[in-house]
């Protein structure tokens, strides 16, 4: 069996298959990107699709990150607490930090949902302000969702290490907790940028 770290496995084969599929779908290898088709695609898609997708990604990716982090730190905490029960209560703060990433996503999703307004397309064409709003909500949701996904993973791994270190030496808890606090703050950056991006939402030019 070929080693998975070999470039043939993780680079050359995927790139070759991607190129073959692209040539088959586009039909012209010389035209790598069909800009006319992409413009028609994006022009025809409803801004409410992008808005709904942004809201879904904001809450979905945040909850996924929180669940992932709780899974990592919770399993280590429960396992280490069998031998050293004293670490259980104070290391629950790691679980709280992971849960906070899900709360960030829920808050941003609620804010984005309140910004969605109904507008009527003119002759089947959406107004540019409506398209701008759809893309802004989508970008805001993606930024917040993926920031909290990575934040939850970071806090989970650091929280797991914190529980194991505290089981060995109780003086290490506060020192590692500082690292965990800074890791948890990364999710706030995504929330702040997401809220700023959603400020560009204007569904009609009259506003």
C-alpha atoms as a PDB file:
ATOM      1  CA  UNK A   1       0.000   0.000   0.000  1.00  0.00           C
ATOM      2  CA  UNK A   2       1.296   3.443  -0.940  1.00  0.00           C
ATOM      3  CA  UNK A   3       2.379   5.713   1.905  1.00  0.00           C
ATOM      4  CA  UNK A   4      -0.275   8.407   2.448  1.00  0.00           C
ATOM      5  CA  UNK A   5       2.436  11.048   2.934  1.00  0.00           C
ATOM      6  CA  UNK A   6       3.823  10.431  -0.559  1.00  0.00           C
ATOM      7  CA  UNK A   7       3.185  13.367  -2.950  1.00  0.00           C
ATOM      8  CA  UNK A   8       1.666  10.957  -5.469  1.00  0.00           C
ATOM      9  CA  UNK A   9      -1.211  10.284  -3.063  1.00  0.00           C
ATOM     10  CA  UNK A  10      -1.992  13.678  -1.611  1.00  0.00           C
ATOM     11  CA  UNK A  11      -1.066  15.960  -4.532  1.00  0.00           C
ATOM     12  CA  UNK A  12      -0.593  14.490  -8.002  1.00  0.00           C
ATOM     13  CA  UNK A  13      -3.577  12.135  -8.086  1.00  0.00           C
ATOM     14  CA  UNK A  14      -6.115  14.691  -6.720  1.00  0.00           C
ATOM     15  CA  UNK A  15      -4.827  17.409  -9.065  1.00  0.00           C
ATOM     16  CA  UNK A  16      -5.000  15.082 -12.076  1.00  0.00           C
ATOM     17  CA  UNK A  17      -8.537  13.926 -11.274  1.00  0.00           C
ATOM     18  CA  UNK A  18      -9.644  17.510 -10.716  1.00  0.00           C
ATOM     19  CA  UNK A  19      -8.204  18.583 -14.048  1.00  0.00           C
ATOM     20  CA  UNK A  20      -9.879  15.719 -15.908  1.00  0.00           C
ATOM     21  CA  UNK A  21     -13.268  16.475 -14.323  1.00  0.00           C
ATOM     22  CA  UNK A  22     -12.879  20.149 -15.144  1.00  0.00           C
ATOM     23  CA  UNK A  23     -12.033  19.482 -18.771  1.00  0.00           C
ATOM     24  CA  UNK A  24     -15.035  17.193 -19.098  1.00  0.00           C
ATOM     25  CA  UNK A  25     -17.416  19.690 -17.514  1.00  0.00           C
ATOM     26  CA  UNK A  26     -16.170  22.800 -19.315  1.00  0.00           C
ATOM     27  CA  UNK A  27     -15.332  21.079 -22.600  1.00  0.00           C
ATOM     28  CA  UNK A  28     -12.425  23.379 -23.429  1.00  0.00           C
ATOM     29  CA  UNK A  29      -9.122  22.945 -21.567  1.00  0.00           C
ATOM     30  CA  UNK A  30      -7.837  26.261 -22.904  1.00  0.00           C
ATOM     31  CA  UNK A  31     -10.653  28.116 -21.185  1.00  0.00           C
ATOM     32  CA  UNK A  32      -9.852  27.421 -17.562  1.00  0.00           C
ATOM     33  CA  UNK A  33     -12.643  29.626 -16.147  1.00  0.00           C
ATOM     34  CA  UNK A  34     -15.859  30.343 -17.995  1.00  0.00           C
ATOM     35  CA  UNK A  35     -16.530  33.845 -16.716  1.00  0.00           C
ATOM     36  CA  UNK A  36     -19.699  34.286 -18.752  1.00  0.00           C
ATOM     37  CA  UNK A  37     -21.215  31.170 -17.230  1.00  0.00           C
ATOM     38  CA  UNK A  38     -20.143  32.190 -13.714  1.00  0.00           C
ATOM     39  CA  UNK A  39     -21.624  35.664 -14.173  1.00  0.00           C
ATOM     40  CA  UNK A  40     -24.901  34.159 -15.372  1.00  0.00           C
ATOM     41  CA  UNK A  41     -24.900  31.788 -12.408  1.00  0.00           C
ATOM     42  CA  UNK A  42     -24.349  34.443  -9.759  1.00  0.00           C
ATOM     43  CA  UNK A  43     -26.689  36.910 -11.445  1.00  0.00           C
ATOM     44  CA  UNK A  44     -29.514  34.378 -11.491  1.00  0.00           C
ATOM     45  CA  UNK A  45     -29.205  33.152  -7.899  1.00  0.00           C
ATOM     46  CA  UNK A  46     -31.534  34.676  -5.350  1.00  0.00           C
ATOM     47  CA  UNK A  47     -29.946  36.858  -2.654  1.00  0.00           C
ATOM     48  CA  UNK A  48     -32.154  35.066  -0.137  1.00  0.00           C
ATOM     49  CA  UNK A  49     -30.291  31.867  -0.908  1.00  0.00           C
ATOM     50  CA  UNK A  50     -27.008  33.529   0.061  1.00  0.00           C
ATOM     51  CA  UNK A  51     -28.636  35.064   3.124  1.00  0.00           C
ATOM     52  CA  UNK A  52     -30.050  31.767   4.334  1.00  0.00           C
ATOM     53  CA  UNK A  53     -26.758  29.995   3.635  1.00  0.00           C
ATOM     54  CA  UNK A  54     -24.851  32.636   5.600  1.00  0.00           C
ATOM     55  CA  UNK A  55     -27.162  32.323   8.603  1.00  0.00           C
ATOM     56  CA  UNK A  56     -26.950  28.537   8.456  1.00  0.00           C
ATOM     57  CA  UNK A  57     -23.157  28.542   8.278  1.00  0.00           C
ATOM     58  CA  UNK A  58     -22.887  31.026  11.140  1.00  0.00           C
ATOM     59  CA  UNK A  59     -24.789  28.845  13.578  1.00  0.00           C
ATOM     60  CA  UNK A  60     -23.885  25.454  12.077  1.00  0.00           C
ATOM     61  CA  UNK A  61     -20.109  25.879  11.957  1.00  0.00           C
ATOM     62  CA  UNK A  62     -20.082  27.486  15.406  1.00  0.00           C
ATOM     63  CA  UNK A  63     -21.987  24.588  16.946  1.00  0.00           C
ATOM     64  CA  UNK A  64     -19.757  22.122  15.122  1.00  0.00           C
ATOM     65  CA  UNK A  65     -16.686  23.823  16.578  1.00  0.00           C
ATOM     66  CA  UNK A  66     -18.194  23.832  20.063  1.00  0.00           C
ATOM     67  CA  UNK A  67     -19.152  20.161  19.838  1.00  0.00           C
ATOM     68  CA  UNK A  68     -15.735  19.235  18.531  1.00  0.00           C
ATOM     69  CA  UNK A  69     -14.015  21.150  21.343  1.00  0.00           C
ATOM     70  CA  UNK A  70     -16.246  19.681  24.048  1.00  0.00           C
ATOM     71  CA  UNK A  71     -15.629  16.205  22.657  1.00  0.00           C
ATOM     72  CA  UNK A  72     -11.850  16.658  22.830  1.00  0.00           C
ATOM     73  CA  UNK A  73     -11.618  18.320  26.225  1.00  0.00           C
ATOM     74  CA  UNK A  74     -14.497  16.344  27.762  1.00  0.00           C
ATOM     75  CA  UNK A  75     -13.049  12.957  26.939  1.00  0.00           C
ATOM     76  CA  UNK A  76      -9.663  13.898  28.389  1.00  0.00           C
ATOM     77  CA  UNK A  77     -11.270  15.443  31.458  1.00  0.00           C
ATOM     78  CA  UNK A  78     -13.443  12.440  32.233  1.00  0.00           C
ATOM     79  CA  UNK A  79     -10.585  10.035  31.602  1.00  0.00           C
ATOM     80  CA  UNK A  80      -8.134  11.894  33.830  1.00  0.00           C
ATOM     81  CA  UNK A  81     -10.746  12.429  36.554  1.00  0.00           C
ATOM     82  CA  UNK A  82     -10.923   8.679  37.116  1.00  0.00           C
ATOM     83  CA  UNK A  83      -7.432   8.785  38.568  1.00  0.00           C
ATOM     84  CA  UNK A  84      -7.468  12.362  39.919  1.00  0.00           C
ATOM     85  CA  UNK A  85     -11.054  13.381  40.836  1.00  0.00           C
ATOM     86  CA  UNK A  86     -10.014  16.814  42.115  1.00  0.00           C
ATOM     87  CA  UNK A  87      -9.568  18.195  38.574  1.00  0.00           C
ATOM     88  CA  UNK A  88     -13.215  17.768  37.588  1.00  0.00           C
ATOM     89  CA  UNK A  89     -14.796  20.934  38.954  1.00  0.00           C
ATOM     90  CA  UNK A  90     -12.281  23.601  37.948  1.00  0.00           C
ATOM     91  CA  UNK A  91     -11.560  22.109  34.524  1.00  0.00           C
ATOM     92  CA  UNK A  92     -15.234  22.448  33.591  1.00  0.00           C
ATOM     93  CA  UNK A  93     -14.317  26.011  32.618  1.00  0.00           C
ATOM     94  CA  UNK A  94     -12.790  24.506  29.458  1.00  0.00           C
ATOM     95  CA  UNK A  95     -16.194  23.118  28.518  1.00  0.00           C
ATOM     96  CA  UNK A  96     -17.738  26.548  29.164  1.00  0.00           C
ATOM     97  CA  UNK A  97     -15.220  28.192  26.818  1.00  0.00           C
ATOM     98  CA  UNK A  98     -16.107  25.680  24.104  1.00  0.00           C
ATOM     99  CA  UNK A  99     -19.813  26.282  24.612  1.00  0.00           C
ATOM    100  CA  UNK A 100     -19.234  30.030  24.245  1.00  0.00           C
ATOM    101  CA  UNK A 101     -18.255  29.544  20.594  1.00  0.00           C
ATOM    102  CA  UNK A 102     -21.707  28.103  19.877  1.00  0.00           C
ATOM    103  CA  UNK A 103     -23.305  31.075  21.615  1.00  0.00           C
ATOM    104  CA  UNK A 104     -21.305  33.450  19.404  1.00  0.00           C
ATOM    105  CA  UNK A 105     -22.715  31.769  16.314  1.00  0.00           C
ATOM    106  CA  UNK A 106     -26.280  31.865  17.607  1.00  0.00           C
ATOM    107  CA  UNK A 107     -25.988  35.580  18.397  1.00  0.00           C
ATOM    108  CA  UNK A 108     -24.637  36.435  14.951  1.00  0.00           C
ATOM    109  CA  UNK A 109     -27.269  34.240  13.269  1.00  0.00           C
ATOM    110  CA  UNK A 110     -30.039  36.109  15.107  1.00  0.00           C
ATOM    111  CA  UNK A 111     -28.543  39.463  14.097  1.00  0.00           C
ATOM    112  CA  UNK A 112     -28.274  38.388  10.458  1.00  0.00           C
ATOM    113  CA  UNK A 113     -31.815  37.010  10.431  1.00  0.00           C
ATOM    114  CA  UNK A 114     -33.213  40.336  11.596  1.00  0.00           C
ATOM    115  CA  UNK A 115     -31.516  42.100   8.675  1.00  0.00           C
ATOM    116  CA  UNK A 116     -33.309  40.067   6.007  1.00  0.00           C
ATOM    117  CA  UNK A 117     -36.098  42.026   4.288  1.00  0.00           C
ATOM    118  CA  UNK A 118     -38.394  41.126   1.415  1.00  0.00           C
ATOM    119  CA  UNK A 119     -37.882  42.818  -1.945  1.00  0.00           C
ATOM    120  CA  UNK A 120     -39.486  42.021  -5.268  1.00  0.00           C
ATOM    121  CA  UNK A 121     -37.311  41.336  -8.329  1.00  0.00           C
ATOM    122  CA  UNK A 122     -37.939  43.525 -11.358  1.00  0.00           C
ATOM    123  CA  UNK A 123     -38.514  41.486 -14.548  1.00  0.00           C
ATOM    124  CA  UNK A 124     -36.838  38.519 -12.909  1.00  0.00           C
ATOM    125  CA  UNK A 125     -33.699  40.523 -12.110  1.00  0.00           C
ATOM    126  CA  UNK A 126     -32.683  41.289  -8.548  1.00  0.00           C
ATOM    127  CA  UNK A 127     -31.716  44.799  -7.588  1.00  0.00           C
ATOM    128  CA  UNK A 128     -28.013  45.396  -6.989  1.00  0.00           C
ATOM    129  CA  UNK A 129     -28.710  46.450  -3.412  1.00  0.00           C
ATOM    130  CA  UNK A 130     -30.481  43.160  -2.782  1.00  0.00           C
ATOM    131  CA  UNK A 131     -27.560  41.221  -4.239  1.00  0.00           C
ATOM    132  CA  UNK A 132     -25.143  43.251  -2.129  1.00  0.00           C
ATOM    133  CA  UNK A 133     -27.155  42.453   0.985  1.00  0.00           C
ATOM    134  CA  UNK A 134     -27.279  38.751   0.184  1.00  0.00           C
ATOM    135  CA  UNK A 135     -23.523  38.564  -0.319  1.00  0.00           C
ATOM    136  CA  UNK A 136     -22.877  40.653   2.804  1.00  0.00           C
ATOM    137  CA  UNK A 137     -24.958  38.340   4.989  1.00  0.00           C
ATOM    138  CA  UNK A 138     -23.337  35.302   3.388  1.00  0.00           C
ATOM    139  CA  UNK A 139     -19.828  36.660   3.970  1.00  0.00           C
ATOM    140  CA  UNK A 140     -20.678  37.618   7.524  1.00  0.00           C
ATOM    141  CA  UNK A 141     -22.003  34.150   8.304  1.00  0.00           C
ATOM    142  CA  UNK A 142     -19.021  32.404   6.721  1.00  0.00           C
ATOM    143  CA  UNK A 143     -16.557  34.593   8.616  1.00  0.00           C
ATOM    144  CA  UNK A 144     -18.236  34.040  11.965  1.00  0.00           C
ATOM    145  CA  UNK A 145     -18.914  30.346  11.407  1.00  0.00           C
ATOM    146  CA  UNK A 146     -15.448  29.276  10.367  1.00  0.00           C
ATOM    147  CA  UNK A 147     -13.755  31.519  12.934  1.00  0.00           C
ATOM    148  CA  UNK A 148     -15.760  29.858  15.695  1.00  0.00           C
ATOM    149  CA  UNK A 149     -15.156  26.412  14.195  1.00  0.00           C
ATOM    150  CA  UNK A 150     -11.393  26.836  14.473  1.00  0.00           C
ATOM    151  CA  UNK A 151     -11.780  28.571  17.836  1.00  0.00           C
ATOM    152  CA  UNK A 152     -13.721  25.637  19.256  1.00  0.00           C
ATOM    153  CA  UNK A 153     -11.086  23.181  18.054  1.00  0.00           C
ATOM    154  CA  UNK A 154      -8.329  25.341  19.563  1.00  0.00           C
ATOM    155  CA  UNK A 155     -10.036  25.648  22.943  1.00  0.00           C
ATOM    156  CA  UNK A 156     -10.827  21.938  22.982  1.00  0.00           C
ATOM    157  CA  UNK A 157      -7.232  20.887  22.377  1.00  0.00           C
ATOM    158  CA  UNK A 158      -5.833  23.374  24.882  1.00  0.00           C
ATOM    159  CA  UNK A 159      -8.526  22.405  27.421  1.00  0.00           C
ATOM    160  CA  UNK A 160      -7.622  18.754  27.010  1.00  0.00           C
ATOM    161  CA  UNK A 161      -3.973  19.539  27.667  1.00  0.00           C
ATOM    162  CA  UNK A 162      -4.991  21.676  30.630  1.00  0.00           C
ATOM    163  CA  UNK A 163      -6.903  18.802  32.235  1.00  0.00           C
ATOM    164  CA  UNK A 164      -4.058  16.343  31.756  1.00  0.00           C
ATOM    165  CA  UNK A 165      -1.464  18.811  33.025  1.00  0.00           C
ATOM    166  CA  UNK A 166      -3.567  19.698  36.056  1.00  0.00           C
ATOM    167  CA  UNK A 167      -3.852  16.013  36.876  1.00  0.00           C
ATOM    168  CA  UNK A 168      -0.060  15.779  36.998  1.00  0.00           C
ATOM    169  CA  UNK A 169       0.722  19.149  38.583  1.00  0.00           C
ATOM    170  CA  UNK A 170      -1.962  21.440  39.996  1.00  0.00           C
ATOM    171  CA  UNK A 171       0.280  24.521  39.722  1.00  0.00           C
ATOM    172  CA  UNK A 172       0.061  24.376  35.913  1.00  0.00           C
ATOM    173  CA  UNK A 173      -3.699  24.996  35.772  1.00  0.00           C
ATOM    174  CA  UNK A 174      -3.635  28.793  35.917  1.00  0.00           C
ATOM    175  CA  UNK A 175      -0.742  29.061  33.468  1.00  0.00           C
ATOM    176  CA  UNK A 176      -2.459  26.942  30.827  1.00  0.00           C
ATOM    177  CA  UNK A 177      -5.782  28.653  31.508  1.00  0.00           C
ATOM    178  CA  UNK A 178      -4.284  31.920  30.263  1.00  0.00           C
ATOM    179  CA  UNK A 179      -3.501  30.245  26.933  1.00  0.00           C
ATOM    180  CA  UNK A 180      -7.055  28.916  26.793  1.00  0.00           C
ATOM    181  CA  UNK A 181      -8.520  32.357  27.401  1.00  0.00           C
ATOM    182  CA  UNK A 182      -6.567  33.819  24.499  1.00  0.00           C
ATOM    183  CA  UNK A 183      -7.664  30.915  22.309  1.00  0.00           C
ATOM    184  CA  UNK A 184     -11.289  31.549  23.218  1.00  0.00           C
ATOM    185  CA  UNK A 185     -10.921  35.219  22.284  1.00  0.00           C
ATOM    186  CA  UNK A 186     -10.285  34.251  18.664  1.00  0.00           C
ATOM    187  CA  UNK A 187     -13.976  33.543  18.182  1.00  0.00           C
ATOM    188  CA  UNK A 188     -14.817  37.111  19.174  1.00  0.00           C
ATOM    189  CA  UNK A 189     -12.756  38.413  16.261  1.00  0.00           C
ATOM    190  CA  UNK A 190     -14.973  36.537  13.835  1.00  0.00           C
ATOM    191  CA  UNK A 191     -18.090  37.859  15.583  1.00  0.00           C
ATOM    192  CA  UNK A 192     -16.862  41.456  15.411  1.00  0.00           C
ATOM    193  CA  UNK A 193     -15.896  41.266  11.735  1.00  0.00           C
ATOM    194  CA  UNK A 194     -19.162  39.495  10.931  1.00  0.00           C
ATOM    195  CA  UNK A 195     -21.213  42.239  12.562  1.00  0.00           C
ATOM    196  CA  UNK A 196     -19.197  44.918  10.743  1.00  0.00           C
ATOM    197  CA  UNK A 197     -19.725  43.157   7.400  1.00  0.00           C
ATOM    198  CA  UNK A 198     -23.456  42.881   8.022  1.00  0.00           C
ATOM    199  CA  UNK A 199     -23.604  46.660   8.444  1.00  0.00           C
ATOM    200  CA  UNK A 200     -23.492  46.988   4.639  1.00  0.00           C
ATOM    201  CA  UNK A 201     -26.905  45.319   4.297  1.00  0.00           C
ATOM    202  CA  UNK A 202     -29.302  47.605   2.398  1.00  0.00           C
ATOM    203  CA  UNK A 203     -32.063  45.759   0.584  1.00  0.00           C
ATOM    204  CA  UNK A 204     -33.282  48.829  -1.309  1.00  0.00           C
ATOM    205  CA  UNK A 205     -31.603  51.969  -2.536  1.00  0.00           C
ATOM    206  CA  UNK A 206     -34.093  54.206  -0.742  1.00  0.00           C
ATOM    207  CA  UNK A 207     -32.289  53.743   2.604  1.00  0.00           C
END
